[in-house]
Amino acid sequence: MDLHNNQITLGEILSYPPAREVLKQELPGLYGSPLMGMARGMSLQSVLQFAKGNVSPDKVRRVLEQLQSV
């Protein structure tokens, strides 16, 4: 998946079933959160800024790699 230099929106990611599965598997606590719905219009870059401190850098790297490969 082309993440457009992390400018793709969370909504675009969630609308692509293979990418949605990556988020569901790797971030189950966040996937089911109401925050996901509120963040649909945010860019991936913005979401990553908010994730700092809540998600480890290794997890973020792994999720980004998986998203790029679907």
PDB file of N, CA and C in Angstrom:
ATOM      1  N   MET A   1       0.852  -1.168   0.000  1.00  0.00           N
ATOM      2  CA  MET A   1       0.000   0.000   0.000  1.00  0.00           C
ATOM      3  C   MET A   1       0.898   1.230   0.000  1.00  0.00           C
ATOM      4  N   ASP A   2       0.541   2.177  -0.822  1.00  0.00           N
ATOM      5  CA  ASP A   2       1.287   3.435  -0.865  1.00  0.00           C
ATOM      6  C   ASP A   2       0.766   4.343   0.247  1.00  0.00           C
ATOM      7  N   LEU A   3       1.614   4.652   1.188  1.00  0.00           N
ATOM      8  CA  LEU A   3       1.221   5.472   2.328  1.00  0.00           C
ATOM      9  C   LEU A   3       1.392   6.967   2.058  1.00  0.00           C
ATOM     10  N   HIS A   4       1.795   7.328   0.831  1.00  0.00           N
ATOM     11  CA  HIS A   4       1.925   8.734   0.418  1.00  0.00           C
ATOM     12  C   HIS A   4       2.748   9.539   1.424  1.00  0.00           C
ATOM     13  N   ASN A   5       3.925   9.016   1.762  1.00  0.00           N
ATOM     14  CA  ASN A   5       4.806   9.681   2.743  1.00  0.00           C
ATOM     15  C   ASN A   5       4.076   9.963   4.051  1.00  0.00           C
ATOM     16  N   ASN A   6       3.261   8.997   4.477  1.00  0.00           N
ATOM     17  CA  ASN A   6       2.474   9.070   5.715  1.00  0.00           C
ATOM     18  C   ASN A   6       1.414  10.163   5.687  1.00  0.00           C
ATOM     19  N   GLN A   7       1.033  10.623   4.495  1.00  0.00           N
ATOM     20  CA  GLN A   7      -0.026  11.621   4.374  1.00  0.00           C
ATOM     21  C   GLN A   7      -1.383  10.984   4.066  1.00  0.00           C
ATOM     22  N   ILE A   8      -1.410   9.672   3.890  1.00  0.00           N
ATOM     23  CA  ILE A   8      -2.662   8.947   3.700  1.00  0.00           C
ATOM     24  C   ILE A   8      -3.497   9.100   4.969  1.00  0.00           C
ATOM     25  N   THR A   9      -4.811   9.146   4.835  1.00  0.00           N
ATOM     26  CA  THR A   9      -5.643   9.293   6.031  1.00  0.00           C
ATOM     27  C   THR A   9      -5.906   7.930   6.666  1.00  0.00           C
ATOM     28  N   LEU A  10      -6.216   7.962   7.922  1.00  0.00           N
ATOM     29  CA  LEU A  10      -6.565   6.735   8.620  1.00  0.00           C
ATOM     30  C   LEU A  10      -7.811   6.117   7.986  1.00  0.00           C
ATOM     31  N   GLY A  11      -8.728   6.954   7.547  1.00  0.00           N
ATOM     32  CA  GLY A  11      -9.929   6.464   6.876  1.00  0.00           C
ATOM     33  C   GLY A  11      -9.607   5.689   5.612  1.00  0.00           C
ATOM     34  N   GLU A  12      -8.633   6.164   4.829  1.00  0.00           N
ATOM     35  CA  GLU A  12      -8.219   5.451   3.622  1.00  0.00           C
ATOM     36  C   GLU A  12      -7.618   4.093   3.972  1.00  0.00           C
ATOM     37  N   ILE A  13      -6.827   4.066   5.029  1.00  0.00           N
ATOM     38  CA  ILE A  13      -6.229   2.803   5.468  1.00  0.00           C
ATOM     39  C   ILE A  13      -7.324   1.843   5.912  1.00  0.00           C
ATOM     40  N   LEU A  14      -8.270   2.340   6.705  1.00  0.00           N
ATOM     41  CA  LEU A  14      -9.330   1.482   7.217  1.00  0.00           C
ATOM     42  C   LEU A  14     -10.280   0.995   6.123  1.00  0.00           C
ATOM     43  N   SER A  15     -10.340   1.711   5.011  1.00  0.00           N
ATOM     44  CA  SER A  15     -11.230   1.295   3.929  1.00  0.00           C
ATOM     45  C   SER A  15     -10.633   0.186   3.065  1.00  0.00           C
ATOM     46  N   TYR A  16      -9.363  -0.121   3.261  1.00  0.00           N
ATOM     47  CA  TYR A  16      -8.698  -1.185   2.511  1.00  0.00           C
ATOM     48  C   TYR A  16      -8.603  -2.411   3.416  1.00  0.00           C
ATOM     49  N   PRO A  17      -9.397  -3.464   3.137  1.00  0.00           N
ATOM     50  CA  PRO A  17      -9.482  -4.615   4.052  1.00  0.00           C
ATOM     51  C   PRO A  17      -8.144  -5.219   4.499  1.00  0.00           C
ATOM     52  N   PRO A  18      -7.156  -5.434   3.610  1.00  0.00           N
ATOM     53  CA  PRO A  18      -5.894  -5.996   4.114  1.00  0.00           C
ATOM     54  C   PRO A  18      -5.190  -5.075   5.118  1.00  0.00           C
ATOM     55  N   ALA A  19      -5.250  -3.771   4.886  1.00  0.00           N
ATOM     56  CA  ALA A  19      -4.630  -2.816   5.814  1.00  0.00           C
ATOM     57  C   ALA A  19      -5.405  -2.763   7.120  1.00  0.00           C
ATOM     58  N   ARG A  20      -6.729  -2.821   7.027  1.00  0.00           N
ATOM     59  CA  ARG A  20      -7.563  -2.834   8.229  1.00  0.00           C
ATOM     60  C   ARG A  20      -7.221  -4.044   9.093  1.00  0.00           C
ATOM     61  N   GLU A  21      -6.969  -5.194   8.467  1.00  0.00           N
ATOM     62  CA  GLU A  21      -6.592  -6.403   9.209  1.00  0.00           C
ATOM     63  C   GLU A  21      -5.270  -6.223   9.945  1.00  0.00           C
ATOM     64  N   VAL A  22      -4.318  -5.538   9.305  1.00  0.00           N
ATOM     65  CA  VAL A  22      -3.026  -5.269   9.955  1.00  0.00           C
ATOM     66  C   VAL A  22      -3.271  -4.491  11.243  1.00  0.00           C
ATOM     67  N   LEU A  23      -4.075  -3.439  11.166  1.00  0.00           N
ATOM     68  CA  LEU A  23      -4.348  -2.637  12.357  1.00  0.00           C
ATOM     69  C   LEU A  23      -5.093  -3.446  13.409  1.00  0.00           C
ATOM     70  N   LYS A  24      -6.028  -4.246  12.958  1.00  0.00           N
ATOM     71  CA  LYS A  24      -6.814  -5.064  13.886  1.00  0.00           C
ATOM     72  C   LYS A  24      -5.923  -6.058  14.623  1.00  0.00           C
ATOM     73  N   GLN A  25      -4.972  -6.666  13.924  1.00  0.00           N
ATOM     74  CA  GLN A  25      -4.090  -7.660  14.532  1.00  0.00           C
ATOM     75  C   GLN A  25      -3.016  -7.021  15.392  1.00  0.00           C
ATOM     76  N   GLU A  26      -2.421  -5.952  14.912  1.00  0.00           N
ATOM     77  CA  GLU A  26      -1.275  -5.353  15.596  1.00  0.00           C
ATOM     78  C   GLU A  26      -1.665  -4.374  16.702  1.00  0.00           C
ATOM     79  N   LEU A  27      -2.824  -3.731  16.564  1.00  0.00           N
ATOM     80  CA  LEU A  27      -3.245  -2.718  17.534  1.00  0.00           C
ATOM     81  C   LEU A  27      -4.690  -2.965  17.964  1.00  0.00           C
ATOM     82  N   PRO A  28      -4.965  -4.138  18.526  1.00  0.00           N
ATOM     83  CA  PRO A  28      -6.360  -4.471  18.844  1.00  0.00           C
ATOM     84  C   PRO A  28      -7.007  -3.504  19.838  1.00  0.00           C
ATOM     85  N   GLY A  29      -6.260  -2.998  20.789  1.00  0.00           N
ATOM     86  CA  GLY A  29      -6.820  -2.067  21.757  1.00  0.00           C
ATOM     87  C   GLY A  29      -7.217  -0.742  21.123  1.00  0.00           C
ATOM     88  N   LEU A  30      -6.420  -0.294  20.191  1.00  0.00           N
ATOM     89  CA  LEU A  30      -6.727   0.955  19.497  1.00  0.00           C
ATOM     90  C   LEU A  30      -7.761   0.746  18.406  1.00  0.00           C
ATOM     91  N   TYR A  31      -7.724  -0.416  17.763  1.00  0.00           N
ATOM     92  CA  TYR A  31      -8.644  -0.673  16.650  1.00  0.00           C
ATOM     93  C   TYR A  31     -10.095  -0.563  17.094  1.00  0.00           C
ATOM     94  N   GLY A  32     -10.417  -1.099  18.249  1.00  0.00           N
ATOM     95  CA  GLY A  32     -11.789  -1.069  18.735  1.00  0.00           C
ATOM     96  C   GLY A  32     -12.155   0.207  19.467  1.00  0.00           C
ATOM     97  N   SER A  33     -11.246   1.129  19.565  1.00  0.00           N
ATOM     98  CA  SER A  33     -11.452   2.358  20.327  1.00  0.00           C
ATOM     99  C   SER A  33     -12.277   3.384  19.547  1.00  0.00           C
ATOM    100  N   PRO A  34     -13.098   4.167  20.241  1.00  0.00           N
ATOM    101  CA  PRO A  34     -13.828   5.256  19.584  1.00  0.00           C
ATOM    102  C   PRO A  34     -12.880   6.288  18.960  1.00  0.00           C
ATOM    103  N   LEU A  35     -11.651   6.324  19.444  1.00  0.00           N
ATOM    104  CA  LEU A  35     -10.677   7.254  18.880  1.00  0.00           C
ATOM    105  C   LEU A  35     -10.417   6.980  17.407  1.00  0.00           C
ATOM    106  N   MET A  36     -10.500   5.713  17.007  1.00  0.00           N
ATOM    107  CA  MET A  36     -10.276   5.369  15.596  1.00  0.00           C
ATOM    108  C   MET A  36     -11.301   6.065  14.715  1.00  0.00           C
ATOM    109  N   GLY A  37     -12.539   6.084  15.145  1.00  0.00           N
ATOM    110  CA  GLY A  37     -13.570   6.755  14.369  1.00  0.00           C
ATOM    111  C   GLY A  37     -13.351   8.249  14.285  1.00  0.00           C
ATOM    112  N   MET A  38     -12.928   8.831  15.386  1.00  0.00           N
ATOM    113  CA  MET A  38     -12.687  10.272  15.414  1.00  0.00           C
ATOM    114  C   MET A  38     -11.461  10.653  14.594  1.00  0.00           C
ATOM    115  N   ALA A  39     -10.530   9.728  14.425  1.00  0.00           N
ATOM    116  CA  ALA A  39      -9.274  10.032  13.737  1.00  0.00           C
ATOM    117  C   ALA A  39      -9.304   9.673  12.252  1.00  0.00           C
ATOM    118  N   ARG A  40     -10.431   9.232  11.733  1.00  0.00           N
ATOM    119  CA  ARG A  40     -10.512   8.790  10.329  1.00  0.00           C
ATOM    120  C   ARG A  40     -10.017   9.835   9.339  1.00  0.00           C
ATOM    121  N   GLY A  41     -10.227  11.094   9.606  1.00  0.00           N
ATOM    122  CA  GLY A  41      -9.816  12.145   8.680  1.00  0.00           C
ATOM    123  C   GLY A  41      -8.391  12.619   8.873  1.00  0.00           C
ATOM    124  N   MET A  42      -7.729  12.101   9.892  1.00  0.00           N
ATOM    125  CA  MET A  42      -6.349  12.521  10.181  1.00  0.00           C
ATOM    126  C   MET A  42      -5.357  11.784   9.296  1.00  0.00           C
ATOM    127  N   SER A  43      -4.254  12.455   8.993  1.00  0.00           N
ATOM    128  CA  SER A  43      -3.194  11.793   8.238  1.00  0.00           C
ATOM    129  C   SER A  43      -2.483  10.778   9.127  1.00  0.00           C
ATOM    130  N   LEU A  44      -1.876   9.811   8.493  1.00  0.00           N
ATOM    131  CA  LEU A  44      -1.115   8.816   9.243  1.00  0.00           C
ATOM    132  C   LEU A  44      -0.016   9.497  10.045  1.00  0.00           C
ATOM    133  N   GLN A  45       0.596  10.513   9.485  1.00  0.00           N
ATOM    134  CA  GLN A  45       1.651  11.250  10.191  1.00  0.00           C
ATOM    135  C   GLN A  45       1.117  11.835  11.503  1.00  0.00           C
ATOM    136  N   SER A  46      -0.071  12.416  11.460  1.00  0.00           N
ATOM    137  CA  SER A  46      -0.679  12.980  12.668  1.00  0.00           C
ATOM    138  C   SER A  46      -1.000  11.894  13.684  1.00  0.00           C
ATOM    139  N   VAL A  47      -1.527  10.781  13.201  1.00  0.00           N
ATOM    140  CA  VAL A  47      -1.851   9.668  14.090  1.00  0.00           C
ATOM    141  C   VAL A  47      -0.589   9.153  14.765  1.00  0.00           C
ATOM    142  N   LEU A  48       0.505   9.068  14.004  1.00  0.00           N
ATOM    143  CA  LEU A  48       1.770   8.594  14.568  1.00  0.00           C
ATOM    144  C   LEU A  48       2.272   9.541  15.656  1.00  0.00           C
ATOM    145  N   GLN A  49       2.060  10.834  15.477  1.00  0.00           N
ATOM    146  CA  GLN A  49       2.471  11.801  16.502  1.00  0.00           C
ATOM    147  C   GLN A  49       1.697  11.568  17.798  1.00  0.00           C
ATOM    148  N   PHE A  50       0.398  11.300  17.680  1.00  0.00           N
ATOM    149  CA  PHE A  50      -0.426  11.030  18.865  1.00  0.00           C
ATOM    150  C   PHE A  50      -0.083   9.693  19.500  1.00  0.00           C
ATOM    151  N   ALA A  51       0.400   8.741  18.695  1.00  0.00           N
ATOM    152  CA  ALA A  51       0.705   7.394  19.198  1.00  0.00           C
ATOM    153  C   ALA A  51       1.976   7.366  20.033  1.00  0.00           C
ATOM    154  N   LYS A  52       2.856   8.348  19.844  1.00  0.00           N
ATOM    155  CA  LYS A  52       4.097   8.365  20.615  1.00  0.00           C
ATOM    156  C   LYS A  52       3.769   8.289  22.100  1.00  0.00           C
ATOM    157  N   GLY A  53       4.466   7.431  22.798  1.00  0.00           N
ATOM    158  CA  GLY A  53       4.229   7.261  24.214  1.00  0.00           C
ATOM    159  C   GLY A  53       3.195   6.190  24.530  1.00  0.00           C
ATOM    160  N   ASN A  54       2.328   5.886  23.571  1.00  0.00           N
ATOM    161  CA  ASN A  54       1.320   4.849  23.761  1.00  0.00           C
ATOM    162  C   ASN A  54       1.658   3.563  23.017  1.00  0.00           C
ATOM    163  N   VAL A  55       2.416   3.697  21.947  1.00  0.00           N
ATOM    164  CA  VAL A  55       2.804   2.547  21.128  1.00  0.00           C
ATOM    165  C   VAL A  55       4.317   2.600  20.975  1.00  0.00           C
ATOM    166  N   SER A  56       4.977   1.468  21.188  1.00  0.00           N
ATOM    167  CA  SER A  56       6.443   1.448  21.120  1.00  0.00           C
ATOM    168  C   SER A  56       6.921   1.744  19.698  1.00  0.00           C
ATOM    169  N   PRO A  57       8.095   2.357  19.574  1.00  0.00           N
ATOM    170  CA  PRO A  57       8.653   2.624  18.245  1.00  0.00           C
ATOM    171  C   PRO A  57       8.804   1.349  17.408  1.00  0.00           C
ATOM    172  N   ASP A  58       9.152   0.236  18.051  1.00  0.00           N
ATOM    173  CA  ASP A  58       9.277  -1.023  17.309  1.00  0.00           C
ATOM    174  C   ASP A  58       7.936  -1.456  16.739  1.00  0.00           C
ATOM    175  N   LYS A  59       6.879  -1.298  17.514  1.00  0.00           N
ATOM    176  CA  LYS A  59       5.535  -1.665  17.051  1.00  0.00           C
ATOM    177  C   LYS A  59       5.120  -0.764  15.891  1.00  0.00           C
ATOM    178  N   VAL A  60       5.389   0.530  16.003  1.00  0.00           N
ATOM    179  CA  VAL A  60       5.053   1.470  14.926  1.00  0.00           C
ATOM    180  C   VAL A  60       5.795   1.076  13.656  1.00  0.00           C
ATOM    181  N   ARG A  61       7.084   0.789  13.772  1.00  0.00           N
ATOM    182  CA  ARG A  61       7.880   0.395  12.610  1.00  0.00           C
ATOM    183  C   ARG A  61       7.307  -0.856  11.968  1.00  0.00           C
ATOM    184  N   ARG A  62       6.960  -1.841  12.784  1.00  0.00           N
ATOM    185  CA  ARG A  62       6.422  -3.107  12.288  1.00  0.00           C
ATOM    186  C   ARG A  62       5.084  -2.892  11.565  1.00  0.00           C
ATOM    187  N   VAL A  63       4.227  -2.065  12.143  1.00  0.00           N
ATOM    188  CA  VAL A  63       2.924  -1.793  11.525  1.00  0.00           C
ATOM    189  C   VAL A  63       3.116  -1.079  10.193  1.00  0.00           C
ATOM    190  N   LEU A  64       4.004  -0.084  10.144  1.00  0.00           N
ATOM    191  CA  LEU A  64       4.251   0.628   8.901  1.00  0.00           C
ATOM    192  C   LEU A  64       4.796  -0.302   7.817  1.00  0.00           C
ATOM    193  N   GLU A  65       5.705  -1.189   8.197  1.00  0.00           N
ATOM    194  CA  GLU A  65       6.244  -2.151   7.233  1.00  0.00           C
ATOM    195  C   GLU A  65       5.146  -3.051   6.693  1.00  0.00           C
ATOM    196  N   GLN A  66       4.273  -3.510   7.575  1.00  0.00           N
ATOM    197  CA  GLN A  66       3.190  -4.381   7.148  1.00  0.00           C
ATOM    198  C   GLN A  66       2.202  -3.634   6.243  1.00  0.00           C
ATOM    199  N   LEU A  67       1.874  -2.393   6.582  1.00  0.00           N
ATOM    200  CA  LEU A  67       0.971  -1.622   5.758  1.00  0.00           C
ATOM    201  C   LEU A  67       1.557  -1.396   4.367  1.00  0.00           C
ATOM    202  N   GLN A  68       2.856  -1.142   4.307  1.00  0.00           N
ATOM    203  CA  GLN A  68       3.497  -0.917   3.011  1.00  0.00           C
ATOM    204  C   GLN A  68       3.527  -2.188   2.162  1.00  0.00           C
ATOM    205  N   SER A  69       3.472  -3.346   2.810  1.00  0.00           N
ATOM    206  CA  SER A  69       3.566  -4.595   2.049  1.00  0.00           C
ATOM    207  C   SER A  69       2.213  -5.157   1.611  1.00  0.00           C
ATOM    208  N   VAL A  70       1.094  -4.560   2.079  1.00  0.00           N
ATOM    209  CA  VAL A  70      -0.219  -5.066   1.651  1.00  0.00           C
ATOM    210  C   VAL A  70      -0.704  -4.356   0.421  1.00  0.00           C
TER     211      VAL A  70
END
